[in-house]
Amino acid sequence: MSAICADDDATCSTGTGAIPVQRGFAAGLKRFVWRVIGWIVQYEEKRLSRIALSELTDEQLADIGVTPSEARREAARPFSS
């Protein structure tokens, strides 16, 4: 069985040690699943950071150079943006 090699796009045997480029439906599905997982991780990080920002005191906000109104506005934004 031969595969497309990642190093020079030449056909090579699977025994050469080259990493084959995955193609086809399964590879596309795998990439899609990883993209969805990445989106979920980013969404959760953003959600948690906005929750943490909303819980800071005025003194803590002043330490990081954010006004309370800016913090409230950022914490109130939807998680998709």
PDB file of N, CA and C in Angstrom:
ATOM      1  N   MET A   1       0.852  -1.178   0.000  1.00  0.00           N
ATOM      2  CA  MET A   1       0.000   0.000   0.000  1.00  0.00           C
ATOM      3  C   MET A   1       0.888   1.228   0.000  1.00  0.00           C
ATOM      4  N   SER A   2       0.583   2.219  -0.826  1.00  0.00           N
ATOM      5  CA  SER A   2       1.382   3.430  -0.864  1.00  0.00           C
ATOM      6  C   SER A   2       0.559   4.599  -0.344  1.00  0.00           C
ATOM      7  N   ALA A   3       1.266   5.658   0.022  1.00  0.00           N
ATOM      8  CA  ALA A   3       0.607   6.836   0.570  1.00  0.00           C
ATOM      9  C   ALA A   3       1.320   8.073   0.068  1.00  0.00           C
ATOM     10  N   ILE A   4       0.661   9.211   0.184  1.00  0.00           N
ATOM     11  CA  ILE A   4       1.301  10.468  -0.164  1.00  0.00           C
ATOM     12  C   ILE A   4       2.178  10.872   1.016  1.00  0.00           C
ATOM     13  N   CYS A   5       3.458  11.100   0.758  1.00  0.00           N
ATOM     14  CA  CYS A   5       4.375  11.473   1.837  1.00  0.00           C
ATOM     15  C   CYS A   5       4.263  12.960   2.123  1.00  0.00           C
ATOM     16  N   ALA A   6       4.374  13.317   3.373  1.00  0.00           N
ATOM     17  CA  ALA A   6       4.263  14.719   3.779  1.00  0.00           C
ATOM     18  C   ALA A   6       5.490  15.516   3.384  1.00  0.00           C
ATOM     19  N   ASP A   7       6.640  14.859   3.168  1.00  0.00           N
ATOM     20  CA  ASP A   7       7.864  15.609   2.930  1.00  0.00           C
ATOM     21  C   ASP A   7       7.996  16.135   1.507  1.00  0.00           C
ATOM     22  N   ASP A   8       7.567  15.393   0.487  1.00  0.00           N
ATOM     23  CA  ASP A   8       7.753  15.876  -0.879  1.00  0.00           C
ATOM     24  C   ASP A   8       6.588  15.556  -1.806  1.00  0.00           C
ATOM     25  N   ASP A   9       5.459  15.167  -1.269  1.00  0.00           N
ATOM     26  CA  ASP A   9       4.265  14.806  -2.040  1.00  0.00           C
ATOM     27  C   ASP A   9       4.519  13.696  -3.055  1.00  0.00           C
ATOM     28  N   ALA A  10       5.557  12.919  -2.861  1.00  0.00           N
ATOM     29  CA  ALA A  10       5.834  11.790  -3.744  1.00  0.00           C
ATOM     30  C   ALA A  10       5.174  10.550  -3.173  1.00  0.00           C
ATOM     31  N   THR A  11       4.881   9.624  -4.040  1.00  0.00           N
ATOM     32  CA  THR A  11       4.323   8.366  -3.571  1.00  0.00           C
ATOM     33  C   THR A  11       5.439   7.561  -2.923  1.00  0.00           C
ATOM     34  N   CYS A  12       5.189   7.032  -1.753  1.00  0.00           N
ATOM     35  CA  CYS A  12       6.204   6.255  -1.053  1.00  0.00           C
ATOM     36  C   CYS A  12       5.536   5.076  -0.372  1.00  0.00           C
ATOM     37  N   SER A  13       6.305   4.108   0.005  1.00  0.00           N
ATOM     38  CA  SER A  13       5.727   2.969   0.709  1.00  0.00           C
ATOM     39  C   SER A  13       5.579   3.324   2.174  1.00  0.00           C
ATOM     40  N   THR A  14       4.698   2.622   2.854  1.00  0.00           N
ATOM     41  CA  THR A  14       4.458   2.921   4.260  1.00  0.00           C
ATOM     42  C   THR A  14       5.625   2.476   5.131  1.00  0.00           C
ATOM     43  N   GLY A  15       6.539   1.713   4.614  1.00  0.00           N
ATOM     44  CA  GLY A  15       7.671   1.234   5.396  1.00  0.00           C
ATOM     45  C   GLY A  15       8.863   2.165   5.392  1.00  0.00           C
ATOM     46  N   THR A  16       8.779   3.314   4.749  1.00  0.00           N
ATOM     47  CA  THR A  16       9.927   4.225   4.658  1.00  0.00           C
ATOM     48  C   THR A  16      10.099   5.086   5.892  1.00  0.00           C
ATOM     49  N   GLY A  17       9.142   5.136   6.755  1.00  0.00           N
ATOM     50  CA  GLY A  17       9.234   5.974   7.941  1.00  0.00           C
ATOM     51  C   GLY A  17       8.686   7.372   7.732  1.00  0.00           C
ATOM     52  N   ALA A  18       8.300   7.709   6.499  1.00  0.00           N
ATOM     53  CA  ALA A  18       7.724   9.027   6.238  1.00  0.00           C
ATOM     54  C   ALA A  18       6.308   9.070   6.800  1.00  0.00           C
ATOM     55  N   ILE A  19       5.895  10.226   7.240  1.00  0.00           N
ATOM     56  CA  ILE A  19       4.550  10.393   7.796  1.00  0.00           C
ATOM     57  C   ILE A  19       3.597  10.661   6.638  1.00  0.00           C
ATOM     58  N   PRO A  20       2.640   9.785   6.400  1.00  0.00           N
ATOM     59  CA  PRO A  20       1.720  10.010   5.287  1.00  0.00           C
ATOM     60  C   PRO A  20       0.712  11.106   5.608  1.00  0.00           C
ATOM     61  N   VAL A  21       0.336  11.860   4.597  1.00  0.00           N
ATOM     62  CA  VAL A  21      -0.695  12.883   4.738  1.00  0.00           C
ATOM     63  C   VAL A  21      -2.034  12.176   4.664  1.00  0.00           C
ATOM     64  N   GLN A  22      -2.878  12.400   5.654  1.00  0.00           N
ATOM     65  CA  GLN A  22      -4.178  11.749   5.659  1.00  0.00           C
ATOM     66  C   GLN A  22      -5.119  12.481   4.711  1.00  0.00           C
ATOM     67  N   ARG A  23      -5.821  11.712   3.917  1.00  0.00           N
ATOM     68  CA  ARG A  23      -6.765  12.284   2.968  1.00  0.00           C
ATOM     69  C   ARG A  23      -8.073  11.503   3.068  1.00  0.00           C
ATOM     70  N   GLY A  24      -9.119  12.086   2.590  1.00  0.00           N
ATOM     71  CA  GLY A  24     -10.390  11.385   2.536  1.00  0.00           C
ATOM     72  C   GLY A  24     -11.343  11.814   3.637  1.00  0.00           C
ATOM     73  N   PHE A  25     -12.453  11.107   3.683  1.00  0.00           N
ATOM     74  CA  PHE A  25     -13.532  11.452   4.601  1.00  0.00           C
ATOM     75  C   PHE A  25     -13.103  11.356   6.058  1.00  0.00           C
ATOM     76  N   ALA A  26     -12.421  10.276   6.432  1.00  0.00           N
ATOM     77  CA  ALA A  26     -12.032  10.081   7.831  1.00  0.00           C
ATOM     78  C   ALA A  26     -11.090  11.186   8.289  1.00  0.00           C
ATOM     79  N   ALA A  27     -10.150  11.563   7.441  1.00  0.00           N
ATOM     80  CA  ALA A  27      -9.215  12.625   7.807  1.00  0.00           C
ATOM     81  C   ALA A  27      -9.940  13.964   7.941  1.00  0.00           C
ATOM     82  N   GLY A  28     -10.873  14.223   7.029  1.00  0.00           N
ATOM     83  CA  GLY A  28     -11.652  15.461   7.107  1.00  0.00           C
ATOM     84  C   GLY A  28     -12.510  15.509   8.355  1.00  0.00           C
ATOM     85  N   LEU A  29     -13.090  14.369   8.692  1.00  0.00           N
ATOM     86  CA  LEU A  29     -13.904  14.293   9.903  1.00  0.00           C
ATOM     87  C   LEU A  29     -13.044  14.522  11.141  1.00  0.00           C
ATOM     88  N   LYS A  30     -11.867  13.953  11.144  1.00  0.00           N
ATOM     89  CA  LYS A  30     -10.952  14.137  12.277  1.00  0.00           C
ATOM     90  C   LYS A  30     -10.570  15.607  12.436  1.00  0.00           C
ATOM     91  N   ARG A  31     -10.249  16.271  11.320  1.00  0.00           N
ATOM     92  CA  ARG A  31      -9.911  17.703  11.380  1.00  0.00           C
ATOM     93  C   ARG A  31     -11.101  18.513  11.890  1.00  0.00           C
ATOM     94  N   PHE A  32     -12.295  18.170  11.414  1.00  0.00           N
ATOM     95  CA  PHE A  32     -13.499  18.875  11.841  1.00  0.00           C
ATOM     96  C   PHE A  32     -13.725  18.715  13.342  1.00  0.00           C
ATOM     97  N   VAL A  33     -13.577  17.495  13.846  1.00  0.00           N
ATOM     98  CA  VAL A  33     -13.778  17.244  15.277  1.00  0.00           C
ATOM     99  C   VAL A  33     -12.770  18.035  16.094  1.00  0.00           C
ATOM    100  N   TRP A  34     -11.506  18.066  15.656  1.00  0.00           N
ATOM    101  CA  TRP A  34     -10.498  18.829  16.395  1.00  0.00           C
ATOM    102  C   TRP A  34     -10.797  20.324  16.360  1.00  0.00           C
ATOM    103  N   ARG A  35     -11.331  20.819  15.245  1.00  0.00           N
ATOM    104  CA  ARG A  35     -11.701  22.239  15.188  1.00  0.00           C
ATOM    105  C   ARG A  35     -12.844  22.548  16.141  1.00  0.00           C
ATOM    106  N   VAL A  36     -13.815  21.649  16.221  1.00  0.00           N
ATOM    107  CA  VAL A  36     -14.947  21.839  17.146  1.00  0.00           C
ATOM    108  C   VAL A  36     -14.438  21.813  18.585  1.00  0.00           C
ATOM    109  N   ILE A  37     -13.556  20.881  18.900  1.00  0.00           N
ATOM    110  CA  ILE A  37     -12.985  20.817  20.251  1.00  0.00           C
ATOM    111  C   ILE A  37     -12.234  22.103  20.558  1.00  0.00           C
ATOM    112  N   GLY A  38     -11.458  22.602  19.598  1.00  0.00           N
ATOM    113  CA  GLY A  38     -10.735  23.868  19.793  1.00  0.00           C
ATOM    114  C   GLY A  38     -11.681  25.023  20.048  1.00  0.00           C
ATOM    115  N   TRP A  39     -12.791  25.064  19.308  1.00  0.00           N
ATOM    116  CA  TRP A  39     -13.776  26.128  19.505  1.00  0.00           C
ATOM    117  C   TRP A  39     -14.382  26.042  20.904  1.00  0.00           C
ATOM    118  N   ILE A  40     -14.694  24.840  21.348  1.00  0.00           N
ATOM    119  CA  ILE A  40     -15.278  24.658  22.684  1.00  0.00           C
ATOM    120  C   ILE A  40     -14.297  25.106  23.760  1.00  0.00           C
ATOM    121  N   VAL A  41     -13.026  24.765  23.601  1.00  0.00           N
ATOM    122  CA  VAL A  41     -12.007  25.166  24.580  1.00  0.00           C
ATOM    123  C   VAL A  41     -11.891  26.695  24.624  1.00  0.00           C
ATOM    124  N   GLN A  42     -11.851  27.341  23.459  1.00  0.00           N
ATOM    125  CA  GLN A  42     -11.774  28.799  23.429  1.00  0.00           C
ATOM    126  C   GLN A  42     -13.005  29.437  24.072  1.00  0.00           C
ATOM    127  N   TYR A  43     -14.159  28.907  23.767  1.00  0.00           N
ATOM    128  CA  TYR A  43     -15.412  29.405  24.333  1.00  0.00           C
ATOM    129  C   TYR A  43     -15.371  29.319  25.857  1.00  0.00           C
ATOM    130  N   GLU A  44     -14.929  28.176  26.384  1.00  0.00           N
ATOM    131  CA  GLU A  44     -14.890  27.975  27.835  1.00  0.00           C
ATOM    132  C   GLU A  44     -13.865  28.893  28.493  1.00  0.00           C
ATOM    133  N   GLU A  45     -12.706  29.066  27.864  1.00  0.00           N
ATOM    134  CA  GLU A  45     -11.693  29.981  28.418  1.00  0.00           C
ATOM    135  C   GLU A  45     -12.229  31.409  28.484  1.00  0.00           C
ATOM    136  N   LYS A  46     -12.903  31.824  27.425  1.00  0.00           N
ATOM    137  CA  LYS A  46     -13.463  33.174  27.388  1.00  0.00           C
ATOM    138  C   LYS A  46     -14.546  33.333  28.452  1.00  0.00           C
ATOM    139  N   ARG A  47     -15.389  32.332  28.587  1.00  0.00           N
ATOM    140  CA  ARG A  47     -16.465  32.377  29.585  1.00  0.00           C
ATOM    141  C   ARG A  47     -15.900  32.479  30.996  1.00  0.00           C
ATOM    142  N   LEU A  48     -14.892  31.646  31.288  1.00  0.00           N
ATOM    143  CA  LEU A  48     -14.300  31.664  32.628  1.00  0.00           C
ATOM    144  C   LEU A  48     -13.564  32.963  32.912  1.00  0.00           C
ATOM    145  N   SER A  49     -12.890  33.523  31.913  1.00  0.00           N
ATOM    146  CA  SER A  49     -12.181  34.782  32.145  1.00  0.00           C
ATOM    147  C   SER A  49     -13.151  35.928  32.380  1.00  0.00           C
ATOM    148  N   ARG A  50     -14.289  35.919  31.694  1.00  0.00           N
ATOM    149  CA  ARG A  50     -15.287  36.978  31.928  1.00  0.00           C
ATOM    150  C   ARG A  50     -15.951  36.832  33.289  1.00  0.00           C
ATOM    151  N   ILE A  51     -16.143  35.601  33.737  1.00  0.00           N
ATOM    152  CA  ILE A  51     -16.676  35.396  35.089  1.00  0.00           C
ATOM    153  C   ILE A  51     -15.673  35.904  36.114  1.00  0.00           C
ATOM    154  N   ALA A  52     -14.403  35.577  35.929  1.00  0.00           N
ATOM    155  CA  ALA A  52     -13.363  36.037  36.864  1.00  0.00           C
ATOM    156  C   ALA A  52     -13.277  37.559  36.862  1.00  0.00           C
ATOM    157  N   LEU A  53     -13.383  38.182  35.698  1.00  0.00           N
ATOM    158  CA  LEU A  53     -13.335  39.638  35.612  1.00  0.00           C
ATOM    159  C   LEU A  53     -14.497  40.261  36.361  1.00  0.00           C
ATOM    160  N   SER A  54     -15.663  39.652  36.267  1.00  0.00           N
ATOM    161  CA  SER A  54     -16.836  40.214  36.945  1.00  0.00           C
ATOM    162  C   SER A  54     -16.740  40.096  38.466  1.00  0.00           C
ATOM    163  N   GLU A  55     -15.878  39.212  38.956  1.00  0.00           N
ATOM    164  CA  GLU A  55     -15.749  39.010  40.397  1.00  0.00           C
ATOM    165  C   GLU A  55     -14.633  39.846  41.036  1.00  0.00           C
ATOM    166  N   LEU A  56     -13.879  40.603  40.234  1.00  0.00           N
ATOM    167  CA  LEU A  56     -12.803  41.415  40.792  1.00  0.00           C
ATOM    168  C   LEU A  56     -13.355  42.640  41.509  1.00  0.00           C
ATOM    169  N   THR A  57     -12.661  43.056  42.549  1.00  0.00           N
ATOM    170  CA  THR A  57     -13.049  44.276  43.275  1.00  0.00           C
ATOM    171  C   THR A  57     -12.569  45.497  42.497  1.00  0.00           C
ATOM    172  N   ASP A  58     -13.071  46.669  42.885  1.00  0.00           N
ATOM    173  CA  ASP A  58     -12.648  47.907  42.221  1.00  0.00           C
ATOM    174  C   ASP A  58     -11.150  48.130  42.368  1.00  0.00           C
ATOM    175  N   GLU A  59     -10.590  47.773  43.523  1.00  0.00           N
ATOM    176  CA  GLU A  59      -9.152  47.934  43.738  1.00  0.00           C
ATOM    177  C   GLU A  59      -8.353  47.014  42.812  1.00  0.00           C
ATOM    178  N   GLN A  60      -8.813  45.778  42.650  1.00  0.00           N
ATOM    179  CA  GLN A  60      -8.131  44.839  41.752  1.00  0.00           C
ATOM    180  C   GLN A  60      -8.232  45.301  40.297  1.00  0.00           C
ATOM    181  N   LEU A  61      -9.384  45.843  39.931  1.00  0.00           N
ATOM    182  CA  LEU A  61      -9.546  46.364  38.576  1.00  0.00           C
ATOM    183  C   LEU A  61      -8.610  47.547  38.332  1.00  0.00           C
ATOM    184  N   ALA A  62      -8.474  48.418  39.347  1.00  0.00           N
ATOM    185  CA  ALA A  62      -7.562  49.553  39.214  1.00  0.00           C
ATOM    186  C   ALA A  62      -6.124  49.076  39.043  1.00  0.00           C
ATOM    187  N   ASP A  63      -5.765  47.982  39.708  1.00  0.00           N
ATOM    188  CA  ASP A  63      -4.415  47.434  39.580  1.00  0.00           C
ATOM    189  C   ASP A  63      -4.103  46.985  38.151  1.00  0.00           C
ATOM    190  N   ILE A  64      -5.103  46.495  37.445  1.00  0.00           N
ATOM    191  CA  ILE A  64      -4.859  46.043  36.075  1.00  0.00           C
ATOM    192  C   ILE A  64      -5.242  47.102  35.040  1.00  0.00           C
ATOM    193  N   GLY A  65      -5.643  48.284  35.510  1.00  0.00           N
ATOM    194  CA  GLY A  65      -5.931  49.397  34.615  1.00  0.00           C
ATOM    195  C   GLY A  65      -7.268  49.314  33.909  1.00  0.00           C
ATOM    196  N   VAL A  66      -8.259  48.721  34.568  1.00  0.00           N
ATOM    197  CA  VAL A  66      -9.594  48.590  33.986  1.00  0.00           C
ATOM    198  C   VAL A  66     -10.579  49.265  34.918  1.00  0.00           C
ATOM    199  N   THR A  67     -11.461  50.070  34.348  1.00  0.00           N
ATOM    200  CA  THR A  67     -12.475  50.716  35.172  1.00  0.00           C
ATOM    201  C   THR A  67     -13.606  49.722  35.441  1.00  0.00           C
ATOM    202  N   PRO A  68     -14.361  49.938  36.524  1.00  0.00           N
ATOM    203  CA  PRO A  68     -15.493  49.037  36.797  1.00  0.00           C
ATOM    204  C   PRO A  68     -16.509  48.989  35.653  1.00  0.00           C
ATOM    205  N   SER A  69     -16.749  50.118  34.990  1.00  0.00           N
ATOM    206  CA  SER A  69     -17.717  50.108  33.880  1.00  0.00           C
ATOM    207  C   SER A  69     -17.183  49.305  32.692  1.00  0.00           C
ATOM    208  N   GLU A  70     -15.879  49.391  32.420  1.00  0.00           N
ATOM    209  CA  GLU A  70     -15.285  48.582  31.351  1.00  0.00           C
ATOM    210  C   GLU A  70     -15.386  47.091  31.682  1.00  0.00           C
ATOM    211  N   ALA A  71     -15.150  46.760  32.949  1.00  0.00           N
ATOM    212  CA  ALA A  71     -15.219  45.359  33.376  1.00  0.00           C
ATOM    213  C   ALA A  71     -16.640  44.826  33.253  1.00  0.00           C
ATOM    214  N   ARG A  72     -17.618  45.624  33.659  1.00  0.00           N
ATOM    215  CA  ARG A  72     -19.017  45.205  33.548  1.00  0.00           C
ATOM    216  C   ARG A  72     -19.411  45.008  32.089  1.00  0.00           C
ATOM    217  N   ARG A  73     -18.982  45.948  31.234  1.00  0.00           N
ATOM    218  CA  ARG A  73     -19.302  45.858  29.803  1.00  0.00           C
ATOM    219  C   ARG A  73     -18.683  44.602  29.190  1.00  0.00           C
ATOM    220  N   GLU A  74     -17.427  44.310  29.519  1.00  0.00           N
ATOM    221  CA  GLU A  74     -16.756  43.120  28.986  1.00  0.00           C
ATOM    222  C   GLU A  74     -17.398  41.842  29.522  1.00  0.00           C
ATOM    223  N   ALA A  75     -17.722  41.820  30.796  1.00  0.00           N
ATOM    224  CA  ALA A  75     -18.331  40.623  31.398  1.00  0.00           C
ATOM    225  C   ALA A  75     -19.725  40.362  30.846  1.00  0.00           C
ATOM    226  N   ALA A  76     -20.410  41.401  30.387  1.00  0.00           N
ATOM    227  CA  ALA A  76     -21.764  41.256  29.875  1.00  0.00           C
ATOM    228  C   ALA A  76     -21.805  40.852  28.403  1.00  0.00           C
ATOM    229  N   ARG A  77     -20.653  40.904  27.719  1.00  0.00           N
ATOM    230  CA  ARG A  77     -20.635  40.531  26.299  1.00  0.00           C
ATOM    231  C   ARG A  77     -20.989  39.061  26.128  1.00  0.00           C
ATOM    232  N   PRO A  78     -21.626  38.740  25.011  1.00  0.00           N
ATOM    233  CA  PRO A  78     -21.918  37.322  24.745  1.00  0.00           C
ATOM    234  C   PRO A  78     -20.625  36.547  24.535  1.00  0.00           C
ATOM    235  N   PHE A  79     -20.653  35.273  24.838  1.00  0.00           N
ATOM    236  CA  PHE A  79     -19.433  34.467  24.778  1.00  0.00           C
ATOM    237  C   PHE A  79     -18.956  34.216  23.359  1.00  0.00           C
ATOM    238  N   SER A  80     -19.808  34.423  22.390  1.00  0.00           N
ATOM    239  CA  SER A  80     -19.417  34.164  21.012  1.00  0.00           C
ATOM    240  C   SER A  80     -18.539  35.277  20.439  1.00  0.00           C
ATOM    241  N   SER A  81     -18.451  36.407  21.116  1.00  0.00           N
ATOM    242  CA  SER A  81     -17.631  37.494  20.568  1.00  0.00           C
ATOM    243  C   SER A  81     -16.438  37.794  21.440  1.00  0.00           C
TER     244      SER A  81
END
